[in-house]
Each structure stands twice: as structure tokens, then as C-alpha cells.
Amino acid sequence: MNDLTPHQDVIDELQFEPSIGAANIGASAKNGVVTLSGHVC
């Protein structure tokens, strides 16, 4: 598995969940670990 798959899975879930303001959340992946950064409004 490369880092693109878990990264995209997290991005997809953040955009799917209407109660989360995903526009201000960043995600990065390294070695299969996804790290979130930003603000939840």
C-alpha cells in the first residue's frame, strides 16, 4: 500500500461528513500514517 490510498480515504471521509468543515483541514501521509492539521469550524 502506498501513502496515496490512506490519504485519499481520509480526505474522502472528511468531505463526506457534513458536520465537519473539511475546507480548513489538511492531511498528509507517510509510511501509512495520516496526520491531520488545521481547524474544525
PDB file of N, CA and C in Angstrom:
ATOM      1  N   MET A   1       0.851  -1.178   0.000  1.00  0.00           N
ATOM      2  CA  MET A   1       0.000   0.000   0.000  1.00  0.00           C
ATOM      3  C   MET A   1       0.895   1.239   0.000  1.00  0.00           C
ATOM      4  N   ASN A   2       0.583   2.174  -0.867  1.00  0.00           N
ATOM      5  CA  ASN A   2       1.327   3.422  -0.860  1.00  0.00           C
ATOM      6  C   ASN A   2       0.602   4.455   0.010  1.00  0.00           C
ATOM      7  N   ASP A   3       1.190   5.600   0.185  1.00  0.00           N
ATOM      8  CA  ASP A   3       0.605   6.619   1.064  1.00  0.00           C
ATOM      9  C   ASP A   3      -0.592   7.331   0.441  1.00  0.00           C
ATOM     10  N   LEU A   4      -0.783   7.201  -0.868  1.00  0.00           N
ATOM     11  CA  LEU A   4      -1.899   7.879  -1.511  1.00  0.00           C
ATOM     12  C   LEU A   4      -3.246   7.285  -1.113  1.00  0.00           C
ATOM     13  N   THR A   5      -3.303   5.981  -0.914  1.00  0.00           N
ATOM     14  CA  THR A   5      -4.572   5.328  -0.587  1.00  0.00           C
ATOM     15  C   THR A   5      -5.124   5.775   0.769  1.00  0.00           C
ATOM     16  N   PRO A   6      -4.380   5.666   1.882  1.00  0.00           N
ATOM     17  CA  PRO A   6      -4.952   6.121   3.154  1.00  0.00           C
ATOM     18  C   PRO A   6      -5.198   7.629   3.167  1.00  0.00           C
ATOM     19  N   HIS A   7      -4.338   8.393   2.507  1.00  0.00           N
ATOM     20  CA  HIS A   7      -4.521   9.844   2.436  1.00  0.00           C
ATOM     21  C   HIS A   7      -5.846  10.168   1.753  1.00  0.00           C
ATOM     22  N   GLN A   8      -6.110   9.553   0.604  1.00  0.00           N
ATOM     23  CA  GLN A   8      -7.343   9.824  -0.126  1.00  0.00           C
ATOM     24  C   GLN A   8      -8.559   9.322   0.638  1.00  0.00           C
ATOM     25  N   ASP A   9      -8.440   8.195   1.329  1.00  0.00           N
ATOM     26  CA  ASP A   9      -9.547   7.686   2.149  1.00  0.00           C
ATOM     27  C   ASP A   9      -9.942   8.692   3.221  1.00  0.00           C
ATOM     28  N   VAL A  10      -8.960   9.294   3.876  1.00  0.00           N
ATOM     29  CA  VAL A  10      -9.242  10.284   4.926  1.00  0.00           C
ATOM     30  C   VAL A  10      -9.886  11.529   4.319  1.00  0.00           C
ATOM     31  N   ILE A  11      -9.355  12.014   3.215  1.00  0.00           N
ATOM     32  CA  ILE A  11      -9.918  13.188   2.547  1.00  0.00           C
ATOM     33  C   ILE A  11     -11.367  12.916   2.141  1.00  0.00           C
ATOM     34  N   ASP A  12     -11.628  11.751   1.580  1.00  0.00           N
ATOM     35  CA  ASP A  12     -12.985  11.389   1.168  1.00  0.00           C
ATOM     36  C   ASP A  12     -13.943  11.379   2.356  1.00  0.00           C
ATOM     37  N   GLU A  13     -13.525  10.813   3.477  1.00  0.00           N
ATOM     38  CA  GLU A  13     -14.378  10.756   4.668  1.00  0.00           C
ATOM     39  C   GLU A  13     -14.641  12.148   5.236  1.00  0.00           C
ATOM     40  N   LEU A  14     -13.633  12.996   5.253  1.00  0.00           N
ATOM     41  CA  LEU A  14     -13.822  14.363   5.752  1.00  0.00           C
ATOM     42  C   LEU A  14     -14.812  15.130   4.894  1.00  0.00           C
ATOM     43  N   GLN A  15     -14.742  14.946   3.595  1.00  0.00           N
ATOM     44  CA  GLN A  15     -15.659  15.641   2.694  1.00  0.00           C
ATOM     45  C   GLN A  15     -17.063  15.049   2.756  1.00  0.00           C
ATOM     46  N   PHE A  16     -17.183  13.772   3.070  1.00  0.00           N
ATOM     47  CA  PHE A  16     -18.476  13.098   3.148  1.00  0.00           C
ATOM     48  C   PHE A  16     -19.268  13.515   4.387  1.00  0.00           C
ATOM     49  N   GLU A  17     -18.575  13.762   5.495  1.00  0.00           N
ATOM     50  CA  GLU A  17     -19.227  14.070   6.771  1.00  0.00           C
ATOM     51  C   GLU A  17     -19.638  15.547   6.801  1.00  0.00           C
ATOM     52  N   PRO A  18     -20.954  15.833   6.752  1.00  0.00           N
ATOM     53  CA  PRO A  18     -21.415  17.227   6.676  1.00  0.00           C
ATOM     54  C   PRO A  18     -21.175  18.039   7.953  1.00  0.00           C
ATOM     55  N   SER A  19     -20.980  17.391   9.069  1.00  0.00           N
ATOM     56  CA  SER A  19     -20.802  18.138  10.320  1.00  0.00           C
ATOM     57  C   SER A  19     -19.375  18.641  10.512  1.00  0.00           C
ATOM     58  N   ILE A  20     -18.481  18.279   9.599  1.00  0.00           N
ATOM     59  CA  ILE A  20     -17.079  18.698   9.695  1.00  0.00           C
ATOM     60  C   ILE A  20     -16.789  19.713   8.596  1.00  0.00           C
ATOM     61  N   GLY A  21     -16.234  20.869   8.977  1.00  0.00           N
ATOM     62  CA  GLY A  21     -15.816  21.864   8.000  1.00  0.00           C
ATOM     63  C   GLY A  21     -14.471  21.479   7.431  1.00  0.00           C
ATOM     64  N   ALA A  22     -14.458  20.579   6.455  1.00  0.00           N
ATOM     65  CA  ALA A  22     -13.222  19.993   5.949  1.00  0.00           C
ATOM     66  C   ALA A  22     -12.354  20.964   5.159  1.00  0.00           C
ATOM     67  N   ALA A  23     -12.885  22.115   4.795  1.00  0.00           N
ATOM     68  CA  ALA A  23     -12.110  23.063   3.989  1.00  0.00           C
ATOM     69  C   ALA A  23     -10.867  23.550   4.719  1.00  0.00           C
ATOM     70  N   ASN A  24     -10.882  23.537   6.036  1.00  0.00           N
ATOM     71  CA  ASN A  24      -9.757  24.038   6.826  1.00  0.00           C
ATOM     72  C   ASN A  24      -8.911  22.928   7.434  1.00  0.00           C
ATOM     73  N   ILE A  25      -9.057  21.704   6.920  1.00  0.00           N
ATOM     74  CA  ILE A  25      -8.303  20.569   7.448  1.00  0.00           C
ATOM     75  C   ILE A  25      -7.386  20.039   6.359  1.00  0.00           C
ATOM     76  N   GLY A  26      -6.116  19.882   6.710  1.00  0.00           N
ATOM     77  CA  GLY A  26      -5.148  19.303   5.791  1.00  0.00           C
ATOM     78  C   GLY A  26      -4.796  17.903   6.236  1.00  0.00           C
ATOM     79  N   ALA A  27      -4.382  17.084   5.307  1.00  0.00           N
ATOM     80  CA  ALA A  27      -3.985  15.719   5.623  1.00  0.00           C
ATOM     81  C   ALA A  27      -2.698  15.400   4.875  1.00  0.00           C
ATOM     82  N   SER A  28      -1.779  14.748   5.571  1.00  0.00           N
ATOM     83  CA  SER A  28      -0.558  14.268   4.934  1.00  0.00           C
ATOM     84  C   SER A  28      -0.334  12.833   5.374  1.00  0.00           C
ATOM     85  N   ALA A  29       0.345  12.062   4.542  1.00  0.00           N
ATOM     86  CA  ALA A  29       0.579  10.650   4.852  1.00  0.00           C
ATOM     87  C   ALA A  29       2.040  10.307   4.647  1.00  0.00           C
ATOM     88  N   LYS A  30       2.551   9.492   5.561  1.00  0.00           N
ATOM     89  CA  LYS A  30       3.913   8.989   5.443  1.00  0.00           C
ATOM     90  C   LYS A  30       3.968   7.615   6.098  1.00  0.00           C
ATOM     91  N   ASN A  31       4.433   6.648   5.379  1.00  0.00           N
ATOM     92  CA  ASN A  31       4.535   5.269   5.874  1.00  0.00           C
ATOM     93  C   ASN A  31       3.206   4.735   6.371  1.00  0.00           C
ATOM     94  N   GLY A  32       2.117   5.114   5.709  1.00  0.00           N
ATOM     95  CA  GLY A  32       0.791   4.620   6.061  1.00  0.00           C
ATOM     96  C   GLY A  32       0.122   5.329   7.225  1.00  0.00           C
ATOM     97  N   VAL A  33       0.771   6.341   7.787  1.00  0.00           N
ATOM     98  CA  VAL A  33       0.207   7.100   8.901  1.00  0.00           C
ATOM     99  C   VAL A  33      -0.270   8.443   8.367  1.00  0.00           C
ATOM    100  N   VAL A  34      -1.542   8.761   8.591  1.00  0.00           N
ATOM    101  CA  VAL A  34      -2.103  10.020   8.129  1.00  0.00           C
ATOM    102  C   VAL A  34      -2.143  10.996   9.287  1.00  0.00           C
ATOM    103  N   THR A  35      -1.631  12.213   9.047  1.00  0.00           N
ATOM    104  CA  THR A  35      -1.614  13.258  10.058  1.00  0.00           C
ATOM    105  C   THR A  35      -2.523  14.382   9.600  1.00  0.00           C
ATOM    106  N   LEU A  36      -3.409  14.809  10.482  1.00  0.00           N
ATOM    107  CA  LEU A  36      -4.326  15.902  10.168  1.00  0.00           C
ATOM    108  C   LEU A  36      -3.798  17.206  10.779  1.00  0.00           C
ATOM    109  N   SER A  37      -4.080  18.310  10.103  1.00  0.00           N
ATOM    110  CA  SER A  37      -3.712  19.618  10.618  1.00  0.00           C
ATOM    111  C   SER A  37      -4.802  20.612  10.246  1.00  0.00           C
ATOM    112  N   GLY A  38      -4.882  21.720  10.962  1.00  0.00           N
ATOM    113  CA  GLY A  38      -5.837  22.759  10.624  1.00  0.00           C
ATOM    114  C   GLY A  38      -6.846  22.999  11.713  1.00  0.00           C
ATOM    115  N   HIS A  39      -8.021  23.517  11.285  1.00  0.00           N
ATOM    116  CA  HIS A  39      -9.084  23.904  12.221  1.00  0.00           C
ATOM    117  C   HIS A  39     -10.397  23.258  11.808  1.00  0.00           C
ATOM    118  N   VAL A  40     -11.185  22.899  12.791  1.00  0.00           N
ATOM    119  CA  VAL A  40     -12.544  22.400  12.556  1.00  0.00           C
ATOM    120  C   VAL A  40     -13.497  23.511  12.962  1.00  0.00           C
ATOM    121  N   CYS A  41     -14.340  23.926  12.025  1.00  0.00           N
ATOM    122  CA  CYS A  41     -15.284  25.026  12.305  1.00  0.00           C
ATOM    123  C   CYS A  41     -16.656  24.491  12.624  1.00  0.00           C
TER     124      CYS A  41
END
